[in-house]
N, C-alpha and C. Protein backbone atom coordinates (compact mmCIF):
# COMPACT_ATOMS: atom_id res chain seq x y z
N MET A 1 4.17 -41.15 -58.23
CA MET A 1 3.48 -41.77 -57.43
C MET A 1 4.08 -42.50 -56.48
N HIS A 2 3.80 -42.39 -55.32
CA HIS A 2 4.36 -43.24 -53.94
C HIS A 2 3.42 -44.59 -53.77
N ALA A 3 4.19 -45.81 -53.47
CA ALA A 3 3.03 -47.42 -53.25
C ALA A 3 3.28 -47.01 -51.57
N VAL A 4 1.68 -46.87 -51.74
CA VAL A 4 1.55 -47.25 -50.27
C VAL A 4 0.98 -48.78 -50.12
N PRO A 5 0.86 -48.97 -48.44
CA PRO A 5 0.87 -50.36 -47.92
C PRO A 5 -1.12 -50.39 -48.04
N ALA A 6 -1.87 -51.60 -47.96
CA ALA A 6 -3.13 -50.99 -47.98
C ALA A 6 -3.60 -49.84 -46.69
N PRO A 7 -4.59 -49.10 -46.93
CA PRO A 7 -4.95 -48.37 -45.34
C PRO A 7 -4.91 -48.92 -44.38
N SER A 8 -4.72 -48.22 -43.05
CA SER A 8 -4.97 -48.65 -42.09
C SER A 8 -6.57 -47.78 -41.53
N LEU A 9 -7.56 -49.86 -41.04
CA LEU A 9 -9.14 -49.12 -40.99
C LEU A 9 -9.21 -48.86 -39.49
N ALA A 10 -9.82 -47.79 -39.47
CA ALA A 10 -10.03 -46.95 -37.64
C ALA A 10 -11.70 -46.97 -37.09
N LEU A 11 -12.28 -47.32 -36.35
CA LEU A 11 -13.18 -47.77 -35.81
C LEU A 11 -13.20 -46.31 -34.88
N VAL A 12 -14.79 -45.86 -34.77
CA VAL A 12 -15.03 -44.30 -34.56
C VAL A 12 -16.55 -45.03 -33.50
N VAL A 13 -16.39 -44.99 -32.10
CA VAL A 13 -17.49 -44.83 -31.15
C VAL A 13 -17.58 -43.81 -30.43
N GLY A 14 -18.91 -43.91 -30.31
CA GLY A 14 -19.41 -42.60 -29.19
C GLY A 14 -20.84 -43.01 -28.67
N PRO A 15 -21.20 -42.26 -27.90
CA PRO A 15 -22.44 -41.97 -28.00
C PRO A 15 -23.50 -42.32 -29.31
N THR A 16 -24.29 -42.82 -29.09
CA THR A 16 -25.70 -43.25 -29.88
C THR A 16 -27.04 -43.22 -29.64
N ASN A 17 -27.28 -42.37 -28.75
CA ASN A 17 -29.16 -42.61 -28.56
C ASN A 17 -29.52 -42.15 -28.76
N THR A 18 -29.47 -40.80 -29.79
CA THR A 18 -30.00 -39.50 -30.40
C THR A 18 -29.37 -39.59 -32.00
N PRO A 19 -30.77 -38.87 -32.09
CA PRO A 19 -29.79 -38.58 -33.61
C PRO A 19 -28.36 -37.90 -34.32
N SER A 20 -28.71 -36.74 -33.28
CA SER A 20 -27.74 -36.06 -33.12
C SER A 20 -26.39 -36.41 -33.01
N ASP A 21 -26.40 -37.90 -31.59
CA ASP A 21 -25.27 -38.17 -31.19
C ASP A 21 -24.68 -39.05 -32.41
N ILE A 22 -25.67 -39.42 -33.33
CA ILE A 22 -25.17 -40.22 -34.57
C ILE A 22 -24.47 -39.40 -35.72
N GLU A 23 -25.04 -38.54 -35.49
CA GLU A 23 -24.43 -37.24 -37.06
C GLU A 23 -23.30 -36.38 -35.99
N HIS A 24 -22.70 -37.06 -35.27
CA HIS A 24 -21.55 -36.60 -34.54
C HIS A 24 -20.94 -37.18 -34.57
N LEU A 25 -21.24 -38.77 -34.43
CA LEU A 25 -20.40 -40.11 -34.77
C LEU A 25 -19.95 -39.14 -36.12
N ARG A 26 -20.88 -39.42 -37.06
CA ARG A 26 -20.27 -39.34 -38.66
C ARG A 26 -19.73 -38.47 -39.13
N HIS A 27 -19.54 -36.91 -38.18
CA HIS A 27 -18.63 -36.06 -38.43
C HIS A 27 -17.25 -36.24 -37.88
N VAL A 28 -17.10 -36.83 -36.57
CA VAL A 28 -16.04 -37.52 -36.34
C VAL A 28 -15.21 -38.55 -36.84
N ALA A 29 -15.90 -39.46 -37.73
CA ALA A 29 -15.78 -40.14 -38.34
C ALA A 29 -15.21 -40.09 -39.88
N PHE A 30 -16.10 -39.07 -40.61
CA PHE A 30 -15.14 -37.81 -41.73
C PHE A 30 -14.52 -37.57 -41.32
N ASN A 31 -13.80 -36.35 -40.41
CA ASN A 31 -12.84 -35.88 -39.90
C ASN A 31 -11.60 -36.69 -39.96
N ILE A 32 -11.44 -38.18 -39.30
CA ILE A 32 -10.67 -39.33 -39.05
C ILE A 32 -10.28 -39.55 -39.69
N THR A 33 -11.75 -39.94 -41.59
CA THR A 33 -10.69 -40.10 -42.51
C THR A 33 -9.92 -39.17 -43.08
N PHE A 34 -10.64 -37.27 -43.24
CA PHE A 34 -9.17 -36.76 -44.11
C PHE A 34 -8.12 -36.79 -42.96
N GLU A 35 -8.14 -36.76 -41.68
CA GLU A 35 -6.81 -36.59 -41.20
C GLU A 35 -5.78 -37.68 -41.81
N LEU A 36 -6.60 -39.33 -42.14
CA LEU A 36 -5.98 -40.10 -41.66
C LEU A 36 -5.54 -40.48 -43.25
N GLY A 37 -6.09 -40.20 -44.06
CA GLY A 37 -6.42 -40.35 -45.95
C GLY A 37 -6.37 -41.61 -45.82
N ALA A 38 -7.35 -42.09 -44.99
CA ALA A 38 -7.80 -43.87 -44.62
C ALA A 38 -9.19 -43.76 -44.53
N PRO A 39 -9.71 -44.79 -44.59
CA PRO A 39 -10.79 -45.37 -44.17
C PRO A 39 -11.81 -45.33 -42.90
N ALA A 40 -12.67 -45.09 -42.17
CA ALA A 40 -13.20 -45.02 -40.43
C ALA A 40 -14.48 -45.45 -41.18
N VAL A 41 -14.73 -46.52 -40.27
CA VAL A 41 -15.87 -47.22 -39.95
C VAL A 41 -16.88 -46.34 -38.11
N TYR A 42 -18.18 -45.58 -38.79
CA TYR A 42 -18.30 -45.09 -37.11
C TYR A 42 -20.01 -46.76 -36.84
N ALA A 43 -19.19 -46.68 -35.44
CA ALA A 43 -19.78 -48.06 -35.25
C ALA A 43 -21.35 -47.25 -34.69
N THR A 44 -21.83 -48.18 -35.08
CA THR A 44 -24.11 -47.59 -34.52
C THR A 44 -24.17 -48.98 -33.86
N HIS A 45 -23.73 -49.55 -33.59
CA HIS A 45 -24.49 -50.93 -33.39
C HIS A 45 -22.80 -51.58 -32.49
N THR A 46 -22.59 -52.97 -31.86
CA THR A 46 -21.48 -54.12 -31.11
C THR A 46 -21.28 -55.02 -32.33
N ASP A 47 -21.77 -55.06 -33.47
CA ASP A 47 -21.79 -55.86 -34.29
C ASP A 47 -19.98 -55.83 -34.92
N HIS A 48 -19.23 -55.01 -34.20
CA HIS A 48 -17.69 -55.06 -34.74
C HIS A 48 -16.87 -55.68 -34.07
N ARG A 49 -15.64 -56.50 -34.64
CA ARG A 49 -14.59 -57.37 -34.21
C ARG A 49 -13.63 -56.56 -33.93
N VAL A 50 -13.37 -56.11 -33.01
CA VAL A 50 -12.42 -54.72 -32.97
C VAL A 50 -11.03 -55.15 -33.27
N THR A 51 -10.45 -56.32 -33.44
CA THR A 51 -9.10 -56.43 -33.62
C THR A 51 -9.08 -56.29 -34.84
N ASP A 52 -10.38 -55.93 -35.68
CA ASP A 52 -10.05 -55.98 -37.35
C ASP A 52 -9.43 -54.18 -37.57
N PHE A 53 -9.27 -54.04 -36.58
CA PHE A 53 -8.88 -51.76 -36.77
C PHE A 53 -7.47 -51.89 -36.09
N ALA A 54 -7.22 -51.04 -37.17
CA ALA A 54 -5.97 -50.33 -36.54
C ALA A 54 -6.11 -49.71 -35.20
N ALA A 55 -7.23 -48.86 -34.54
CA ALA A 55 -7.36 -47.96 -33.51
C ALA A 55 -8.88 -47.79 -33.28
N VAL A 56 -9.30 -47.62 -31.89
CA VAL A 56 -10.36 -47.12 -32.09
C VAL A 56 -9.87 -45.52 -31.79
N TYR A 57 -11.44 -44.68 -32.38
CA TYR A 57 -11.14 -43.12 -32.09
C TYR A 57 -12.37 -42.72 -31.05
N LEU A 58 -12.70 -42.15 -30.18
CA LEU A 58 -13.61 -41.72 -29.67
C LEU A 58 -14.65 -40.33 -29.78
N THR A 59 -15.42 -40.19 -30.28
CA THR A 59 -15.55 -38.82 -30.37
C THR A 59 -15.88 -37.85 -29.49
N GLY A 60 -15.28 -39.03 -27.47
CA GLY A 60 -15.70 -37.42 -26.98
C GLY A 60 -14.63 -38.16 -26.22
N ASP A 61 -14.10 -37.77 -24.75
CA ASP A 61 -13.12 -38.21 -23.74
C ASP A 61 -14.11 -39.28 -23.23
N VAL A 62 -12.95 -39.91 -22.63
CA VAL A 62 -13.44 -41.71 -21.97
C VAL A 62 -15.26 -41.43 -20.78
N THR A 63 -14.23 -40.29 -20.47
CA THR A 63 -15.44 -40.50 -18.74
C THR A 63 -16.76 -39.69 -20.01
N SER A 64 -17.17 -39.34 -20.72
CA SER A 64 -18.52 -39.45 -21.58
C SER A 64 -19.32 -40.12 -22.41
N LEU A 65 -18.32 -41.86 -22.07
CA LEU A 65 -19.36 -42.48 -22.44
C LEU A 65 -20.12 -43.23 -21.33
N ARG A 66 -21.49 -42.94 -22.19
CA ARG A 66 -22.17 -43.75 -20.86
C ARG A 66 -23.24 -44.91 -21.57
N ASP A 67 -23.20 -45.37 -22.63
CA ASP A 67 -24.53 -46.15 -23.69
C ASP A 67 -23.26 -47.38 -23.37
N ALA A 68 -23.99 -48.69 -23.21
CA ALA A 68 -23.60 -50.11 -22.50
C ALA A 68 -23.06 -49.95 -24.09
N SER A 69 -23.80 -49.93 -25.33
CA SER A 69 -22.35 -50.24 -26.79
C SER A 69 -21.28 -49.61 -27.08
N THR A 70 -21.29 -48.58 -27.07
CA THR A 70 -19.53 -47.60 -26.48
C THR A 70 -18.44 -48.18 -25.57
N LEU A 71 -19.05 -48.94 -24.24
CA LEU A 71 -18.22 -49.17 -23.78
C LEU A 71 -18.22 -50.77 -23.83
N VAL A 72 -19.09 -51.31 -24.26
CA VAL A 72 -18.03 -52.91 -24.82
C VAL A 72 -17.27 -52.62 -26.18
N LEU A 73 -17.33 -52.00 -26.93
CA LEU A 73 -16.65 -52.07 -27.90
C LEU A 73 -15.27 -51.30 -27.57
N VAL A 74 -15.06 -50.08 -26.86
CA VAL A 74 -13.59 -49.67 -25.76
C VAL A 74 -13.46 -50.63 -25.20
N GLY A 75 -14.05 -51.73 -24.32
CA GLY A 75 -13.57 -52.56 -23.72
C GLY A 75 -12.62 -53.47 -24.45
N GLU A 76 -13.52 -54.54 -25.16
CA GLU A 76 -13.17 -55.09 -26.22
C GLU A 76 -11.45 -54.56 -26.64
N ALA A 77 -11.55 -53.50 -27.64
CA ALA A 77 -10.59 -53.28 -28.00
C ALA A 77 -9.52 -52.68 -26.90
N LEU A 78 -9.54 -52.28 -25.60
CA LEU A 78 -8.29 -52.62 -24.48
C LEU A 78 -7.84 -54.10 -24.47
N ALA A 79 -8.88 -54.73 -23.81
CA ALA A 79 -8.65 -56.10 -23.32
C ALA A 79 -7.40 -56.49 -25.20
N ALA A 80 -8.04 -55.74 -25.97
CA ALA A 80 -7.45 -56.89 -27.24
C ALA A 80 -5.78 -55.63 -27.74
N GLY A 81 -6.07 -54.94 -26.82
CA GLY A 81 -4.18 -54.36 -27.34
C GLY A 81 -4.86 -53.76 -28.53
N VAL A 82 -5.94 -53.21 -28.96
CA VAL A 82 -6.07 -52.28 -29.83
C VAL A 82 -6.02 -50.63 -29.16
N PRO A 83 -5.61 -49.88 -30.18
CA PRO A 83 -4.93 -48.62 -29.53
C PRO A 83 -6.32 -47.87 -29.26
N VAL A 84 -6.61 -47.18 -28.44
CA VAL A 84 -8.10 -46.50 -28.38
C VAL A 84 -7.73 -44.86 -28.39
N HIS A 85 -8.69 -44.06 -28.49
CA HIS A 85 -7.56 -42.92 -28.91
C HIS A 85 -8.98 -42.16 -28.94
N GLU A 86 -9.15 -40.70 -27.62
CA GLU A 86 -9.22 -39.55 -27.50
C GLU A 86 -9.82 -39.16 -28.95
N PRO A 87 -9.82 -37.50 -28.78
CA PRO A 87 -10.10 -36.54 -29.31
C PRO A 87 -8.47 -35.62 -29.07
N LEU A 88 -8.06 -35.39 -29.32
CA LEU A 88 -7.07 -33.70 -29.04
C LEU A 88 -7.89 -32.78 -28.01
N THR A 89 -6.96 -32.36 -27.47
CA THR A 89 -7.65 -30.70 -26.73
C THR A 89 -7.02 -29.74 -27.60
N ASP A 90 -7.36 -28.65 -27.69
CA ASP A 90 -6.98 -27.49 -28.17
C ASP A 90 -5.72 -27.72 -27.88
N ASP A 91 -5.35 -27.92 -26.94
CA ASP A 91 -3.49 -27.91 -26.52
C ASP A 91 -2.63 -27.99 -27.72
N GLU A 92 -3.30 -30.10 -28.31
CA GLU A 92 -3.10 -30.95 -28.58
C GLU A 92 -2.63 -31.13 -30.25
N SER A 93 -3.58 -30.14 -30.95
CA SER A 93 -4.26 -29.96 -31.92
C SER A 93 -2.84 -29.54 -32.09
N VAL A 94 -2.38 -30.22 -33.17
CA VAL A 94 -1.43 -29.95 -34.70
C VAL A 94 -1.87 -29.28 -36.13
N THR A 95 -1.31 -28.91 -36.65
CA THR A 95 -0.82 -28.49 -38.01
C THR A 95 -0.19 -28.39 -38.94
N CYS A 96 -0.11 -29.51 -39.47
CA CYS A 96 1.28 -30.23 -40.42
C CYS A 96 1.27 -28.58 -41.35
N ASP A 97 2.65 -28.67 -41.67
CA ASP A 97 3.42 -27.24 -42.59
C ASP A 97 2.71 -27.75 -43.32
N CYS A 98 1.60 -28.43 -44.09
CA CYS A 98 0.49 -28.24 -45.48
C CYS A 98 -0.14 -27.52 -44.96
N GLY A 99 -0.72 -27.26 -43.86
CA GLY A 99 -1.91 -26.89 -43.36
C GLY A 99 -2.96 -27.82 -42.80
N LEU A 100 -2.86 -28.90 -42.68
CA LEU A 100 -4.08 -30.01 -42.39
C LEU A 100 -3.40 -29.65 -40.75
N VAL A 101 -4.81 -29.50 -40.12
CA VAL A 101 -5.17 -29.50 -38.78
C VAL A 101 -5.63 -30.59 -38.67
N HIS A 102 -5.23 -31.30 -37.58
CA HIS A 102 -5.50 -32.88 -36.57
C HIS A 102 -6.37 -32.14 -35.38
N HIS A 103 -7.48 -33.05 -35.38
CA HIS A 103 -8.01 -32.49 -34.27
C HIS A 103 -8.49 -34.27 -33.38
N TYR A 104 -8.43 -35.09 -33.97
CA TYR A 104 -8.99 -36.24 -34.14
C TYR A 104 -7.86 -37.35 -33.79
N THR A 105 -6.56 -37.38 -34.06
CA THR A 105 -4.87 -37.86 -34.77
C THR A 105 -4.55 -37.37 -34.36
N ARG A 106 -2.95 -38.24 -34.38
CA ARG A 106 -1.81 -37.68 -33.72
C ARG A 106 -1.00 -38.34 -35.35
N PRO A 107 -0.31 -36.87 -35.86
CA PRO A 107 0.39 -36.97 -36.57
C PRO A 107 1.90 -37.34 -36.26
N HIS A 108 2.81 -37.93 -37.01
CA HIS A 108 3.86 -38.52 -37.03
C HIS A 108 4.63 -36.70 -36.41
N VAL A 109 5.89 -36.41 -35.33
CA VAL A 109 6.54 -35.63 -35.10
C VAL A 109 7.62 -35.80 -35.61
N ASP A 110 8.98 -35.10 -35.86
CA ASP A 110 10.26 -36.12 -36.07
C ASP A 110 10.73 -35.18 -35.38
N GLU A 111 12.35 -35.63 -35.19
CA GLU A 111 12.93 -35.29 -33.95
C GLU A 111 13.64 -34.26 -33.54
N ARG A 112 13.37 -33.24 -35.31
CA ARG A 112 13.05 -31.42 -35.20
C ARG A 112 11.75 -31.30 -35.09
N GLY A 113 10.73 -31.65 -34.63
CA GLY A 113 9.50 -30.94 -34.40
C GLY A 113 8.73 -30.97 -35.33
N GLU A 114 8.98 -30.96 -36.45
CA GLU A 114 7.87 -30.94 -37.63
C GLU A 114 6.83 -32.12 -37.45
N VAL A 115 5.54 -31.32 -38.51
CA VAL A 115 4.53 -32.86 -38.04
C VAL A 115 4.62 -33.38 -39.73
N TRP A 116 4.14 -34.40 -39.52
CA TRP A 116 4.18 -35.05 -40.39
C TRP A 116 2.82 -35.68 -40.74
N CYS A 117 1.68 -35.36 -41.71
CA CYS A 117 0.39 -35.70 -41.64
C CYS A 117 0.37 -36.95 -42.76
N ALA A 118 -0.38 -37.90 -42.57
CA ALA A 118 -0.31 -39.13 -43.92
C ALA A 118 -0.37 -38.60 -45.18
N GLU A 119 -0.70 -37.00 -45.32
CA GLU A 119 -0.16 -37.41 -46.81
C GLU A 119 1.07 -36.82 -47.39
N CYS A 120 1.40 -36.06 -46.44
CA CYS A 120 2.70 -35.47 -46.34
C CYS A 120 3.48 -36.85 -45.74
N SER A 121 3.67 -37.60 -45.28
CA SER A 121 4.58 -38.97 -44.56
C SER A 121 4.19 -39.80 -46.42
N GLY A 122 3.17 -39.61 -46.79
CA GLY A 122 3.25 -40.79 -48.40
C GLY A 122 1.88 -41.64 -47.76
N ASP A 123 0.99 -41.87 -46.68
CA ASP A 123 0.29 -42.20 -46.18
C ASP A 123 -0.91 -42.42 -46.64
N SER A 124 -1.22 -41.10 -47.47
CA SER A 124 -2.93 -40.98 -47.94
C SER A 124 -2.75 -41.78 -48.40
N ALA A 125 -3.48 -43.03 -48.61
CA ALA A 125 -4.01 -43.64 -50.53
C ALA A 125 -5.40 -43.57 -50.93
N CYS A 126 -5.57 -44.12 -52.35
CA CYS A 126 -7.39 -44.40 -52.19
C CYS A 126 -7.44 -45.68 -51.35
N THR A 127 -8.61 -45.80 -51.20
CA THR A 127 -8.78 -47.70 -51.05
C THR A 127 -9.05 -48.47 -52.08
N TRP A 128 -9.80 -47.83 -52.40
CA TRP A 128 -9.44 -48.78 -54.16
C TRP A 128 -8.22 -49.20 -55.24
N CYS A 129 -7.75 -48.44 -55.46
CA CYS A 129 -5.98 -48.62 -56.03
C CYS A 129 -5.18 -48.33 -54.83
N LEU A 130 -5.49 -48.41 -54.24
CA LEU A 130 -4.07 -48.18 -52.99
C LEU A 130 -2.70 -46.81 -53.23
N GLU A 131 -3.02 -45.62 -54.47
CA GLU A 131 -1.70 -45.69 -54.89
C GLU A 131 -1.68 -44.07 -53.60
N TRP A 132 -1.22 -43.35 -54.02
CA TRP A 132 -1.10 -42.11 -53.07
C TRP A 132 -1.74 -40.85 -53.66
N ASN A 133 -2.58 -40.18 -52.75
CA ASN A 133 -2.68 -38.90 -53.68
C ASN A 133 -3.02 -37.84 -52.77
N ASP A 134 -2.99 -36.36 -52.80
CA ASP A 134 -3.58 -35.80 -51.86
C ASP A 134 -4.99 -35.56 -51.04
N VAL A 135 -5.39 -35.42 -49.98
CA VAL A 135 -6.51 -36.05 -49.34
C VAL A 135 -7.63 -34.94 -49.94
N GLU A 136 -6.50 -33.75 -50.42
CA GLU A 136 -7.85 -33.24 -50.88
C GLU A 136 -8.47 -33.15 -52.24
N ASP A 137 -7.16 -33.98 -53.50
CA ASP A 137 -7.98 -34.45 -53.88
C ASP A 137 -8.75 -35.80 -54.17
N LEU A 138 -8.86 -36.69 -53.04
CA LEU A 138 -9.73 -37.86 -52.80
C LEU A 138 -11.33 -37.17 -52.59
N GLU A 139 -11.87 -38.18 -52.68
CA GLU A 139 -12.85 -37.71 -52.50
C GLU A 139 -13.75 -39.17 -51.50
N ILE A 140 -14.06 -38.19 -50.48
CA ILE A 140 -14.80 -39.02 -49.12
C ILE A 140 -15.93 -39.33 -49.05
N VAL A 141 -16.13 -40.50 -50.19
CA VAL A 141 -17.50 -41.35 -50.12
C VAL A 141 -17.78 -42.10 -48.44
N GLU A 142 -19.50 -41.48 -48.22
CA GLU A 142 -20.11 -42.88 -47.37
C GLU A 142 -20.08 -43.50 -47.96
N SER A 143 -20.26 -44.56 -47.43
CA SER A 143 -20.88 -46.22 -47.96
C SER A 143 -21.26 -47.24 -46.26
N GLY A 144 -22.36 -47.17 -46.51
CA GLY A 144 -22.77 -48.11 -45.00
C GLY A 144 -22.30 -47.01 -44.21
N GLU A 145 -21.69 -47.91 -43.12
CA GLU A 145 -21.37 -47.14 -41.86
C GLU A 145 -19.77 -46.42 -42.15
N ALA A 146 -19.22 -45.95 -43.49
CA ALA A 146 -18.35 -45.88 -42.88
C ALA A 146 -17.65 -44.36 -44.42
N TYR A 147 -16.50 -44.44 -43.82
CA TYR A 147 -16.00 -43.43 -44.96
C TYR A 147 -14.87 -43.76 -45.26
N VAL A 148 -15.10 -43.76 -47.25
CA VAL A 148 -13.44 -44.40 -47.82
C VAL A 148 -13.13 -43.17 -48.63
N PRO A 149 -12.44 -43.15 -48.88
CA PRO A 149 -10.94 -42.06 -49.26
C PRO A 149 -11.05 -42.30 -51.05
N LEU A 150 -11.40 -42.11 -52.21
CA LEU A 150 -11.23 -42.66 -53.91
C LEU A 150 -10.64 -41.94 -54.48
N HIS A 151 -9.87 -41.81 -55.40
CA HIS A 151 -9.29 -40.83 -56.13
C HIS A 151 -10.61 -40.58 -56.97
N ALA A 152 -11.12 -39.74 -58.15
CA ALA A 152 -12.64 -39.92 -58.43
C ALA A 152 -12.53 -40.54 -59.71
N GLY A 153 -11.38 -41.03 -60.37
CA GLY A 153 -11.30 -41.61 -61.30
C GLY A 153 -11.83 -43.47 -61.34
N CYS A 154 -10.96 -43.79 -59.59
CA CYS A 154 -11.58 -44.64 -58.84
C CYS A 154 -12.98 -45.04 -58.41
N LEU A 155 -13.71 -43.83 -58.68
CA LEU A 155 -14.99 -43.72 -58.36
C LEU A 155 -15.97 -44.03 -58.71
N ASP A 156 -15.06 -43.72 -59.39
CA ASP A 156 -16.36 -43.07 -60.88
C ASP A 156 -16.55 -45.09 -61.70
N GLY A 157 -15.36 -45.50 -61.97
CA GLY A 157 -14.80 -46.99 -61.97
C GLY A 157 -15.74 -47.64 -61.27
N ILE A 158 -15.74 -47.82 -60.01
CA ILE A 158 -16.46 -48.56 -59.15
C ILE A 158 -18.39 -48.32 -59.46
N ARG A 159 -18.69 -46.96 -60.01
CA ARG A 159 -20.38 -46.87 -59.52
C ARG A 159 -20.47 -46.83 -61.60
N ARG A 160 -19.51 -47.50 -62.33
CA ARG A 160 -20.26 -48.28 -63.62
C ARG A 160 -19.80 -49.34 -63.21
N ALA A 161 -19.12 -50.17 -62.20
CA ALA A 161 -19.30 -52.00 -62.60
C ALA A 161 -20.21 -51.78 -61.19
N GLU A 162 -21.29 -51.05 -60.61
CA GLU A 162 -22.02 -51.25 -59.81
C GLU A 162 -23.13 -51.19 -60.98
N SER A 163 -23.59 -50.25 -61.94
CA SER A 163 -24.39 -49.47 -62.54
C SER A 163 -24.80 -51.07 -63.16
N SER A 164 -23.70 -51.68 -64.14
CA SER A 164 -23.30 -52.67 -64.95
C SER A 164 -23.89 -53.50 -64.44
N ALA A 165 -23.57 -54.03 -62.93
CA ALA A 165 -24.14 -55.38 -62.09
C ALA A 165 -25.20 -55.59 -61.63
N ARG A 166 -26.23 -54.34 -61.57
CA ARG A 166 -27.38 -54.02 -61.20
C ARG A 166 -28.45 -53.90 -62.57
N LEU A 167 -27.54 -54.01 -63.15
CA LEU A 167 -28.27 -54.01 -64.75
C LEU A 167 -28.42 -55.72 -65.20
N VAL A 168 -27.38 -56.44 -65.66
CA VAL A 168 -27.00 -57.70 -65.03
C VAL A 168 -28.10 -58.66 -64.34
N ALA A 169 -28.33 -57.86 -63.27
CA ALA A 169 -29.05 -58.99 -62.47
C ALA A 169 -30.95 -58.13 -62.74
N LEU A 170 -30.84 -57.30 -63.39
CA LEU A 170 -32.42 -56.74 -63.61
C LEU A 170 -32.96 -57.78 -64.40
N GLU A 171 -32.57 -57.81 -65.90
CA GLU A 171 -32.26 -58.91 -66.93
C GLU A 171 -32.84 -60.05 -66.95
N ALA A 172 -31.70 -60.88 -65.22
CA ALA A 172 -31.65 -62.21 -65.19
C ALA A 172 -32.54 -62.43 -64.68
N SER A 173 -33.95 -61.22 -64.25
CA SER A 173 -35.23 -61.70 -62.61
C SER A 173 -35.94 -61.48 -64.45
N ALA A 174 -35.75 -60.38 -65.37
CA ALA A 174 -36.95 -60.72 -66.21
C ALA A 174 -37.24 -61.56 -66.96
């Protein structure tokens, strides 16, 4: 097992005017979670403090941003010095030796030109227990407006705890 620090949290922003815009936003957030092996929040409103995030990722290039809420978050991120990333172009997309293709995030490329994704670098972790694991073995769960990578055992424990808490609340209200 690798010991890793708490996973970085990413904020994903893009147009939110239509249901297809929001679906695209969710799709990009899921992919970023998979590429980073870390949680990603998709912003459907401006009530986010961008300084709580390690980086902001756009669903398209900056010229495609037209709605005010997205522009506000991007502006706040730039003003606060939070990195803002556009999706990678086809020429910029990279594949790690493990086979993970990066469409939205830039993996580490060492001095020999080898690509190191978050998983191969040992930075992919379960959000609950913070233990390293293959991204393919982590379950990516949607929770509110976020995607969170979790070990199956940790997810099971969370679900049991939530179920127990609901039962206690029901018994208390009866």
